[in-house]
Amino acid sequence: HEIQKLAEFTGKKLDDKVLEKIVHHTSFDVMKRNPMANYST
């Protein structure tokens, strides 16, 4: 819901598949393993 609200604020309309993908890839467990997001670089 919050990601959808942020998308609408920025003028983007996301279909449900893209929204679910963003929810998954910005979950804590996924981001913690992501070197582009976890500052391990």
ModelCIF file with pLDDT and N, C-alpha, C, O atoms, coordinates in Angstrom:
data_MODEL
#
_entry.id   MODEL 
#
_entity.id                         1 
_entity.type                       polymer 
_entity.pdbx_number_of_molecules   1 
#
_entity_poly.entity_id                      1 
_entity_poly.type                           'polypeptide(L)' 
_entity_poly.nstd_linkage                   no 
_entity_poly.nstd_monomer                   no 
_entity_poly.pdbx_seq_one_letter_code       HEIQKLAEFTGKKLDDKVLEKIVHHTSFDVMKRNPMANYST 
_entity_poly.pdbx_seq_one_letter_code_can   HEIQKLAEFTGKKLDDKVLEKIVHHTSFDVMKRNPMANYST 
_entity_poly.pdbx_strand_id                 A 
#
loop_
_entity_poly_seq.entity_id 
_entity_poly_seq.num 
_entity_poly_seq.mon_id 
_entity_poly_seq.hetero 
1 1  HIS n 
1 2  GLU n 
1 3  ILE n 
1 4  GLN n 
1 5  LYS n 
1 6  LEU n 
1 7  ALA n 
1 8  GLU n 
1 9  PHE n 
1 10 THR n 
1 11 GLY n 
1 12 LYS n 
1 13 LYS n 
1 14 LEU n 
1 15 ASP n 
1 16 ASP n 
1 17 LYS n 
1 18 VAL n 
1 19 LEU n 
1 20 GLU n 
1 21 LYS n 
1 22 ILE n 
1 23 VAL n 
1 24 HIS n 
1 25 HIS n 
1 26 THR n 
1 27 SER n 
1 28 PHE n 
1 29 ASP n 
1 30 VAL n 
1 31 MET n 
1 32 LYS n 
1 33 ARG n 
1 34 ASN n 
1 35 PRO n 
1 36 MET n 
1 37 ALA n 
1 38 ASN n 
1 39 TYR n 
1 40 SER n 
1 41 THR n 
#
_struct_asym.id          A 
_struct_asym.entity_id   1 
#
loop_
_ma_qa_metric.id 
_ma_qa_metric.mode 
_ma_qa_metric.name 
_ma_qa_metric.software_group_id 
_ma_qa_metric.type 
1 global pLDDT . pLDDT 
2 local  pLDDT . pLDDT 
#
_ma_qa_metric_global.metric_id      1 
_ma_qa_metric_global.metric_value   93.32 
_ma_qa_metric_global.model_id       1 
_ma_qa_metric_global.ordinal_id     1 
#
loop_
_ma_qa_metric_local.label_asym_id 
_ma_qa_metric_local.label_comp_id 
_ma_qa_metric_local.label_seq_id 
_ma_qa_metric_local.metric_id 
_ma_qa_metric_local.metric_value 
_ma_qa_metric_local.model_id 
_ma_qa_metric_local.ordinal_id 
A HIS 1  2 97.00 1 1  
A GLU 2  2 96.00 1 2  
A ILE 3  2 97.00 1 3  
A GLN 4  2 97.00 1 4  
A LYS 5  2 96.00 1 5  
A LEU 6  2 96.00 1 6  
A ALA 7  2 97.00 1 7  
A GLU 8  2 96.00 1 8  
A PHE 9  2 95.00 1 9  
A THR 10 2 93.00 1 10 
A GLY 11 2 94.00 1 11 
A LYS 12 2 95.00 1 12 
A LYS 13 2 94.00 1 13 
A LEU 14 2 95.00 1 14 
A ASP 15 2 95.00 1 15 
A ASP 16 2 96.00 1 16 
A LYS 17 2 97.00 1 17 
A VAL 18 2 97.00 1 18 
A LEU 19 2 97.00 1 19 
A GLU 20 2 97.00 1 20 
A LYS 21 2 97.00 1 21 
A ILE 22 2 97.00 1 22 
A VAL 23 2 97.00 1 23 
A HIS 24 2 97.00 1 24 
A HIS 25 2 96.00 1 25 
A THR 26 2 96.00 1 26 
A SER 27 2 95.00 1 27 
A PHE 28 2 91.00 1 28 
A ASP 29 2 92.00 1 29 
A VAL 30 2 93.00 1 30 
A MET 31 2 88.00 1 31 
A LYS 32 2 90.00 1 32 
A ARG 33 2 90.00 1 33 
A ASN 34 2 92.00 1 34 
A PRO 35 2 88.00 1 35 
A MET 36 2 88.00 1 36 
A ALA 37 2 88.00 1 37 
A ASN 38 2 83.00 1 38 
A TYR 39 2 83.00 1 39 
A SER 40 2 84.00 1 40 
A THR 41 2 84.00 1 41 
#
loop_
_atom_site.group_PDB 
_atom_site.id 
_atom_site.type_symbol 
_atom_site.label_atom_id 
_atom_site.label_alt_id 
_atom_site.label_comp_id 
_atom_site.label_asym_id 
_atom_site.label_entity_id 
_atom_site.label_seq_id 
_atom_site.pdbx_PDB_ins_code 
_atom_site.Cartn_x 
_atom_site.Cartn_y 
_atom_site.Cartn_z 
_atom_site.occupancy 
_atom_site.B_iso_or_equiv 
_atom_site.pdbx_formal_charge 
_atom_site.auth_seq_id 
_atom_site.auth_comp_id 
_atom_site.auth_asym_id 
_atom_site.auth_atom_id 
_atom_site.pdbx_PDB_model_num 
ATOM 1   N N  . HIS A 1 1  ? 0.829  -1.206  0.000   1.00 97.00 ? 1  HIS A N  1 
ATOM 2   C CA . HIS A 1 1  ? 0.000  0.000   0.000   1.00 97.00 ? 1  HIS A CA 1 
ATOM 3   C C  . HIS A 1 1  ? 0.864  1.258   0.000   1.00 97.00 ? 1  HIS A C  1 
ATOM 4   O O  . HIS A 1 1  ? 0.583  2.202   -0.739  1.00 97.00 ? 1  HIS A O  1 
ATOM 5   N N  . GLU A 1 2  ? 1.909  1.278   0.819   1.00 96.00 ? 2  GLU A N  1 
ATOM 6   C CA . GLU A 1 2  ? 2.772  2.459   0.925   1.00 96.00 ? 2  GLU A CA 1 
ATOM 7   C C  . GLU A 1 2  ? 3.586  2.667   -0.351  1.00 96.00 ? 2  GLU A C  1 
ATOM 8   O O  . GLU A 1 2  ? 3.800  3.806   -0.768  1.00 96.00 ? 2  GLU A O  1 
ATOM 9   N N  . ILE A 1 3  ? 4.037  1.584   -0.970  1.00 97.00 ? 3  ILE A N  1 
ATOM 10  C CA . ILE A 1 3  ? 4.773  1.693   -2.233  1.00 97.00 ? 3  ILE A CA 1 
ATOM 11  C C  . ILE A 1 3  ? 3.840  2.226   -3.324  1.00 97.00 ? 3  ILE A C  1 
ATOM 12  O O  . ILE A 1 3  ? 4.241  3.066   -4.130  1.00 97.00 ? 3  ILE A O  1 
ATOM 13  N N  . GLN A 1 4  ? 2.605  1.739   -3.347  1.00 97.00 ? 4  GLN A N  1 
ATOM 14  C CA . GLN A 1 4  ? 1.629  2.239   -4.318  1.00 97.00 ? 4  GLN A CA 1 
ATOM 15  C C  . GLN A 1 4  ? 1.382  3.729   -4.106  1.00 97.00 ? 4  GLN A C  1 
ATOM 16  O O  . GLN A 1 4  ? 1.294  4.490   -5.070  1.00 97.00 ? 4  GLN A O  1 
ATOM 17  N N  . LYS A 1 5  ? 1.271  4.146   -2.850  1.00 96.00 ? 5  LYS A N  1 
ATOM 18  C CA . LYS A 1 5  ? 1.056  5.557   -2.525  1.00 96.00 ? 5  LYS A CA 1 
ATOM 19  C C  . LYS A 1 5  ? 2.244  6.393   -3.000  1.00 96.00 ? 5  LYS A C  1 
ATOM 20  O O  . LYS A 1 5  ? 2.056  7.477   -3.553  1.00 96.00 ? 5  LYS A O  1 
ATOM 21  N N  . LEU A 1 6  ? 3.456  5.899   -2.790  1.00 96.00 ? 6  LEU A N  1 
ATOM 22  C CA . LEU A 1 6  ? 4.662  6.600   -3.234  1.00 96.00 ? 6  LEU A CA 1 
ATOM 23  C C  . LEU A 1 6  ? 4.721  6.665   -4.757  1.00 96.00 ? 6  LEU A C  1 
ATOM 24  O O  . LEU A 1 6  ? 5.100  7.690   -5.323  1.00 96.00 ? 6  LEU A O  1 
ATOM 25  N N  . ALA A 1 7  ? 4.348  5.579   -5.416  1.00 97.00 ? 7  ALA A N  1 
ATOM 26  C CA . ALA A 1 7  ? 4.335  5.570   -6.887  1.00 97.00 ? 7  ALA A CA 1 
ATOM 27  C C  . ALA A 1 7  ? 3.355  6.619   -7.418  1.00 97.00 ? 7  ALA A C  1 
ATOM 28  O O  . ALA A 1 7  ? 3.684  7.371   -8.335  1.00 97.00 ? 7  ALA A O  1 
ATOM 29  N N  . GLU A 1 8  ? 2.180  6.665   -6.853  1.00 96.00 ? 8  GLU A N  1 
ATOM 30  C CA . GLU A 1 8  ? 1.185  7.653   -7.284  1.00 96.00 ? 8  GLU A CA 1 
ATOM 31  C C  . GLU A 1 8  ? 1.680  9.074   -7.034  1.00 96.00 ? 8  GLU A C  1 
ATOM 32  O O  . GLU A 1 8  ? 1.453  9.965   -7.852  1.00 96.00 ? 8  GLU A O  1 
ATOM 33  N N  . PHE A 1 9  ? 2.350  9.284   -5.917  1.00 95.00 ? 9  PHE A N  1 
ATOM 34  C CA . PHE A 1 9  ? 2.895  10.606  -5.602  1.00 95.00 ? 9  PHE A CA 1 
ATOM 35  C C  . PHE A 1 9  ? 3.900  11.044  -6.669  1.00 95.00 ? 9  PHE A C  1 
ATOM 36  O O  . PHE A 1 9  ? 3.963  12.221  -7.025  1.00 95.00 ? 9  PHE A O  1 
ATOM 37  N N  . THR A 1 10 ? 4.683  10.092  -7.174  1.00 93.00 ? 10 THR A N  1 
ATOM 38  C CA . THR A 1 10 ? 5.695  10.415  -8.187  1.00 93.00 ? 10 THR A CA 1 
ATOM 39  C C  . THR A 1 10 ? 5.132  10.387  -9.607  1.00 93.00 ? 10 THR A C  1 
ATOM 40  O O  . THR A 1 10 ? 5.868  10.587  -10.574 1.00 93.00 ? 10 THR A O  1 
ATOM 41  N N  . GLY A 1 11 ? 3.829  10.139  -9.732  1.00 94.00 ? 11 GLY A N  1 
ATOM 42  C CA . GLY A 1 11 ? 3.209  10.162  -11.051 1.00 94.00 ? 11 GLY A CA 1 
ATOM 43  C C  . GLY A 1 11 ? 3.287  8.853   -11.803 1.00 94.00 ? 11 GLY A C  1 
ATOM 44  O O  . GLY A 1 11 ? 3.044  8.821   -13.010 1.00 94.00 ? 11 GLY A O  1 
ATOM 45  N N  . LYS A 1 12 ? 3.622  7.765   -11.116 1.00 95.00 ? 12 LYS A N  1 
ATOM 46  C CA . LYS A 1 12 ? 3.732  6.459   -11.770 1.00 95.00 ? 12 LYS A CA 1 
ATOM 47  C C  . LYS A 1 12 ? 2.522  5.600   -11.430 1.00 95.00 ? 12 LYS A C  1 
ATOM 48  O O  . LYS A 1 12 ? 2.030  5.607   -10.302 1.00 95.00 ? 12 LYS A O  1 
ATOM 49  N N  . LYS A 1 13 ? 2.062  4.873   -12.412 1.00 94.00 ? 13 LYS A N  1 
ATOM 50  C CA . LYS A 1 13 ? 0.999  3.892   -12.195 1.00 94.00 ? 13 LYS A CA 1 
ATOM 51  C C  . LYS A 1 13 ? 1.638  2.526   -12.381 1.00 94.00 ? 13 LYS A C  1 
ATOM 52  O O  . LYS A 1 13 ? 2.127  2.200   -13.462 1.00 94.00 ? 13 LYS A O  1 
ATOM 53  N N  . LEU A 1 14 ? 1.629  1.734   -11.323 1.00 95.00 ? 14 LEU A N  1 
ATOM 54  C CA . LEU A 1 14 ? 2.254  0.416   -11.366 1.00 95.00 ? 14 LEU A CA 1 
ATOM 55  C C  . LEU A 1 14 ? 1.187  -0.664  -11.460 1.00 95.00 ? 14 LEU A C  1 
ATOM 56  O O  . LEU A 1 14 ? 0.190  -0.630  -10.739 1.00 95.00 ? 14 LEU A O  1 
ATOM 57  N N  . ASP A 1 15 ? 1.408  -1.637  -12.370 1.00 95.00 ? 15 ASP A N  1 
ATOM 58  C CA . ASP A 1 15 ? 0.487  -2.765  -12.363 1.00 95.00 ? 15 ASP A CA 1 
ATOM 59  C C  . ASP A 1 15 ? 0.856  -3.667  -11.183 1.00 95.00 ? 15 ASP A C  1 
ATOM 60  O O  . ASP A 1 15 ? 1.932  -3.532  -10.599 1.00 95.00 ? 15 ASP A O  1 
ATOM 61  N N  . ASP A 1 16 ? -0.036 -4.577  -10.844 1.00 96.00 ? 16 ASP A N  1 
ATOM 62  C CA . ASP A 1 16 ? 0.133  -5.389  -9.647  1.00 96.00 ? 16 ASP A CA 1 
ATOM 63  C C  . ASP A 1 16 ? 1.400  -6.248  -9.697  1.00 96.00 ? 16 ASP A C  1 
ATOM 64  O O  . ASP A 1 16 ? 2.036  -6.469  -8.666  1.00 96.00 ? 16 ASP A O  1 
ATOM 65  N N  . LYS A 1 17 ? 1.767  -6.729  -10.878 1.00 97.00 ? 17 LYS A N  1 
ATOM 66  C CA . LYS A 1 17 ? 2.964  -7.573  -11.019 1.00 97.00 ? 17 LYS A CA 1 
ATOM 67  C C  . LYS A 1 17 ? 4.227  -6.768  -10.670 1.00 97.00 ? 17 LYS A C  1 
ATOM 68  O O  . LYS A 1 17 ? 5.093  -7.257  -9.944  1.00 97.00 ? 17 LYS A O  1 
ATOM 69  N N  . VAL A 1 18 ? 4.327  -5.545  -11.184 1.00 97.00 ? 18 VAL A N  1 
ATOM 70  C CA . VAL A 1 18 ? 5.486  -4.683  -10.889 1.00 97.00 ? 18 VAL A CA 1 
ATOM 71  C C  . VAL A 1 18 ? 5.488  -4.303  -9.413  1.00 97.00 ? 18 VAL A C  1 
ATOM 72  O O  . VAL A 1 18 ? 6.540  -4.300  -8.774  1.00 97.00 ? 18 VAL A O  1 
ATOM 73  N N  . LEU A 1 19 ? 4.327  -3.987  -8.875  1.00 97.00 ? 19 LEU A N  1 
ATOM 74  C CA . LEU A 1 19 ? 4.216  -3.631  -7.466  1.00 97.00 ? 19 LEU A CA 1 
ATOM 75  C C  . LEU A 1 19 ? 4.691  -4.779  -6.571  1.00 97.00 ? 19 LEU A C  1 
ATOM 76  O O  . LEU A 1 19 ? 5.443  -4.554  -5.623  1.00 97.00 ? 19 LEU A O  1 
ATOM 77  N N  . GLU A 1 20 ? 4.262  -5.991  -6.864  1.00 97.00 ? 20 GLU A N  1 
ATOM 78  C CA . GLU A 1 20 ? 4.697  -7.161  -6.079  1.00 97.00 ? 20 GLU A CA 1 
ATOM 79  C C  . GLU A 1 20 ? 6.211  -7.374  -6.200  1.00 97.00 ? 20 GLU A C  1 
ATOM 80  O O  . GLU A 1 20 ? 6.868  -7.747  -5.228  1.00 97.00 ? 20 GLU A O  1 
ATOM 81  N N  . LYS A 1 21 ? 6.750  -7.138  -7.378  1.00 97.00 ? 21 LYS A N  1 
ATOM 82  C CA . LYS A 1 21 ? 8.190  -7.273  -7.598  1.00 97.00 ? 21 LYS A CA 1 
ATOM 83  C C  . LYS A 1 21 ? 8.960  -6.270  -6.731  1.00 97.00 ? 21 LYS A C  1 
ATOM 84  O O  . LYS A 1 21 ? 9.978  -6.614  -6.131  1.00 97.00 ? 21 LYS A O  1 
ATOM 85  N N  . ILE A 1 22 ? 8.470  -5.039  -6.672  1.00 97.00 ? 22 ILE A N  1 
ATOM 86  C CA . ILE A 1 22 ? 9.122  -4.011  -5.850  1.00 97.00 ? 22 ILE A CA 1 
ATOM 87  C C  . ILE A 1 22 ? 9.003  -4.363  -4.378  1.00 97.00 ? 22 ILE A C  1 
ATOM 88  O O  . ILE A 1 22 ? 9.967  -4.207  -3.629  1.00 97.00 ? 22 ILE A O  1 
ATOM 89  N N  . VAL A 1 23 ? 7.841  -4.834  -3.950  1.00 97.00 ? 23 VAL A N  1 
ATOM 90  C CA . VAL A 1 23 ? 7.663  -5.252  -2.553  1.00 97.00 ? 23 VAL A CA 1 
ATOM 91  C C  . VAL A 1 23 ? 8.694  -6.328  -2.210  1.00 97.00 ? 23 VAL A C  1 
ATOM 92  O O  . VAL A 1 23 ? 9.347  -6.257  -1.169  1.00 97.00 ? 23 VAL A O  1 
ATOM 93  N N  . HIS A 1 24 ? 8.836  -7.317  -3.082  1.00 97.00 ? 24 HIS A N  1 
ATOM 94  C CA . HIS A 1 24 ? 9.783  -8.406  -2.826  1.00 97.00 ? 24 HIS A CA 1 
ATOM 95  C C  . HIS A 1 24 ? 11.233 -7.901  -2.766  1.00 97.00 ? 24 HIS A C  1 
ATOM 96  O O  . HIS A 1 24 ? 11.965 -8.206  -1.824  1.00 97.00 ? 24 HIS A O  1 
ATOM 97  N N  . HIS A 1 25 ? 11.631 -7.140  -3.765  1.00 96.00 ? 25 HIS A N  1 
ATOM 98  C CA . HIS A 1 25 ? 13.034 -6.720  -3.863  1.00 96.00 ? 25 HIS A CA 1 
ATOM 99  C C  . HIS A 1 25 ? 13.419 -5.638  -2.855  1.00 96.00 ? 25 HIS A C  1 
ATOM 100 O O  . HIS A 1 25 ? 14.602 -5.344  -2.683  1.00 96.00 ? 25 HIS A O  1 
ATOM 101 N N  . THR A 1 26 ? 12.434 -5.049  -2.196  1.00 96.00 ? 26 THR A N  1 
ATOM 102 C CA . THR A 1 26 ? 12.753 -4.067  -1.153  1.00 96.00 ? 26 THR A CA 1 
ATOM 103 C C  . THR A 1 26 ? 12.429 -4.606  0.236   1.00 96.00 ? 26 THR A C  1 
ATOM 104 O O  . THR A 1 26 ? 12.380 -3.848  1.205   1.00 96.00 ? 26 THR A O  1 
ATOM 105 N N  . SER A 1 27 ? 12.210 -5.910  0.329   1.00 95.00 ? 27 SER A N  1 
ATOM 106 C CA . SER A 1 27 ? 12.041 -6.521  1.645   1.00 95.00 ? 27 SER A CA 1 
ATOM 107 C C  . SER A 1 27 ? 13.403 -6.508  2.349   1.00 95.00 ? 27 SER A C  1 
ATOM 108 O O  . SER A 1 27 ? 14.448 -6.491  1.697   1.00 95.00 ? 27 SER A O  1 
ATOM 109 N N  . PHE A 1 28 ? 13.378 -6.515  3.649   1.00 91.00 ? 28 PHE A N  1 
ATOM 110 C CA . PHE A 1 28 ? 14.620 -6.436  4.418   1.00 91.00 ? 28 PHE A CA 1 
ATOM 111 C C  . PHE A 1 28 ? 15.580 -7.572  4.060   1.00 91.00 ? 28 PHE A C  1 
ATOM 112 O O  . PHE A 1 28 ? 16.768 -7.334  3.843   1.00 91.00 ? 28 PHE A O  1 
ATOM 113 N N  . ASP A 1 29 ? 15.073 -8.795  3.999   1.00 92.00 ? 29 ASP A N  1 
ATOM 114 C CA . ASP A 1 29 ? 15.951 -9.939  3.732   1.00 92.00 ? 29 ASP A CA 1 
ATOM 115 C C  . ASP A 1 29 ? 16.627 -9.846  2.374   1.00 92.00 ? 29 ASP A C  1 
ATOM 116 O O  . ASP A 1 29 ? 17.801 -10.194 2.246   1.00 92.00 ? 29 ASP A O  1 
ATOM 117 N N  . VAL A 1 30 ? 15.910 -9.387  1.364   1.00 93.00 ? 30 VAL A N  1 
ATOM 118 C CA . VAL A 1 30 ? 16.494 -9.257  0.018   1.00 93.00 ? 30 VAL A CA 1 
ATOM 119 C C  . VAL A 1 30 ? 17.499 -8.102  -0.003  1.00 93.00 ? 30 VAL A C  1 
ATOM 120 O O  . VAL A 1 30 ? 18.602 -8.247  -0.530  1.00 93.00 ? 30 VAL A O  1 
ATOM 121 N N  . MET A 1 31 ? 17.119 -6.960  0.566   1.00 88.00 ? 31 MET A N  1 
ATOM 122 C CA . MET A 1 31 ? 18.035 -5.806  0.563   1.00 88.00 ? 31 MET A CA 1 
ATOM 123 C C  . MET A 1 31 ? 19.289 -6.085  1.379   1.00 88.00 ? 31 MET A C  1 
ATOM 124 O O  . MET A 1 31 ? 20.371 -5.616  1.024   1.00 88.00 ? 31 MET A O  1 
ATOM 125 N N  . LYS A 1 32 ? 19.165 -6.832  2.457   1.00 90.00 ? 32 LYS A N  1 
ATOM 126 C CA . LYS A 1 32 ? 20.335 -7.137  3.302   1.00 90.00 ? 32 LYS A CA 1 
ATOM 127 C C  . LYS A 1 32 ? 21.382 -7.928  2.515   1.00 90.00 ? 32 LYS A C  1 
ATOM 128 O O  . LYS A 1 32 ? 22.575 -7.827  2.802   1.00 90.00 ? 32 LYS A O  1 
ATOM 129 N N  . ARG A 1 33 ? 20.952 -8.708  1.535   1.00 90.00 ? 33 ARG A N  1 
ATOM 130 C CA . ARG A 1 33 ? 21.875 -9.496  0.702   1.00 90.00 ? 33 ARG A CA 1 
ATOM 131 C C  . ARG A 1 33 ? 22.294 -8.761  -0.572  1.00 90.00 ? 33 ARG A C  1 
ATOM 132 O O  . ARG A 1 33 ? 23.144 -9.255  -1.313  1.00 90.00 ? 33 ARG A O  1 
ATOM 133 N N  . ASN A 1 34 ? 21.721 -7.608  -0.831  1.00 92.00 ? 34 ASN A N  1 
ATOM 134 C CA . ASN A 1 34 ? 21.960 -6.875  -2.080  1.00 92.00 ? 34 ASN A CA 1 
ATOM 135 C C  . ASN A 1 34 ? 23.133 -5.902  -1.904  1.00 92.00 ? 34 ASN A C  1 
ATOM 136 O O  . ASN A 1 34 ? 22.990 -4.901  -1.202  1.00 92.00 ? 34 ASN A O  1 
ATOM 137 N N  . PRO A 1 35 ? 24.285 -6.172  -2.524  1.00 88.00 ? 35 PRO A N  1 
ATOM 138 C CA . PRO A 1 35 ? 25.446 -5.286  -2.357  1.00 88.00 ? 35 PRO A CA 1 
ATOM 139 C C  . PRO A 1 35 ? 25.217 -3.872  -2.903  1.00 88.00 ? 35 PRO A C  1 
ATOM 140 O O  . PRO A 1 35 ? 25.939 -2.947  -2.532  1.00 88.00 ? 35 PRO A O  1 
ATOM 141 N N  . MET A 1 36 ? 24.230 -3.695  -3.770  1.00 88.00 ? 36 MET A N  1 
ATOM 142 C CA . MET A 1 36 ? 23.942 -2.352  -4.279  1.00 88.00 ? 36 MET A CA 1 
ATOM 143 C C  . MET A 1 36 ? 23.085 -1.554  -3.293  1.00 88.00 ? 36 MET A C  1 
ATOM 144 O O  . MET A 1 36 ? 22.888 -0.352  -3.474  1.00 88.00 ? 36 MET A O  1 
ATOM 145 N N  . ALA A 1 37 ? 22.577 -2.217  -2.253  1.00 88.00 ? 37 ALA A N  1 
ATOM 146 C CA . ALA A 1 37 ? 21.744 -1.538  -1.256  1.00 88.00 ? 37 ALA A CA 1 
ATOM 147 C C  . ALA A 1 37 ? 22.290 -1.653  0.159   1.00 88.00 ? 37 ALA A C  1 
ATOM 148 O O  . ALA A 1 37 ? 21.896 -0.868  1.021   1.00 88.00 ? 37 ALA A O  1 
ATOM 149 N N  . ASN A 1 38 ? 23.175 -2.595  0.430   1.00 83.00 ? 38 ASN A N  1 
ATOM 150 C CA . ASN A 1 38 ? 23.587 -2.843  1.817   1.00 83.00 ? 38 ASN A CA 1 
ATOM 151 C C  . ASN A 1 38 ? 24.925 -2.200  2.217   1.00 83.00 ? 38 ASN A C  1 
ATOM 152 O O  . ASN A 1 38 ? 25.447 -2.482  3.295   1.00 83.00 ? 38 ASN A O  1 
ATOM 153 N N  . TYR A 1 39 ? 25.464 -1.361  1.377   1.00 83.00 ? 39 TYR A N  1 
ATOM 154 C CA . TYR A 1 39 ? 26.695 -0.604  1.635   1.00 83.00 ? 39 TYR A CA 1 
ATOM 155 C C  . TYR A 1 39 ? 27.938 -1.483  1.764   1.00 83.00 ? 39 TYR A C  1 
ATOM 156 O O  . TYR A 1 39 ? 28.967 -1.017  2.252   1.00 83.00 ? 39 TYR A O  1 
ATOM 157 N N  . SER A 1 40 ? 27.863 -2.731  1.340   1.00 84.00 ? 40 SER A N  1 
ATOM 158 C CA . SER A 1 40 ? 29.043 -3.598  1.422   1.00 84.00 ? 40 SER A CA 1 
ATOM 159 C C  . SER A 1 40 ? 30.088 -3.261  0.364   1.00 84.00 ? 40 SER A C  1 
ATOM 160 O O  . SER A 1 40 ? 31.192 -3.806  0.400   1.00 84.00 ? 40 SER A O  1 
ATOM 161 N N  . THR A 1 41 ? 29.765 -2.372  -0.580  1.00 84.00 ? 41 THR A N  1 
ATOM 162 C CA . THR A 1 41 ? 30.744 -1.953  -1.588  1.00 84.00 ? 41 THR A CA 1 
ATOM 163 C C  . THR A 1 41 ? 31.656 -0.838  -1.070  1.00 84.00 ? 41 THR A C  1 
ATOM 164 O O  . THR A 1 41 ? 32.535 -0.372  -1.795  1.00 84.00 ? 41 THR A O  1 
#
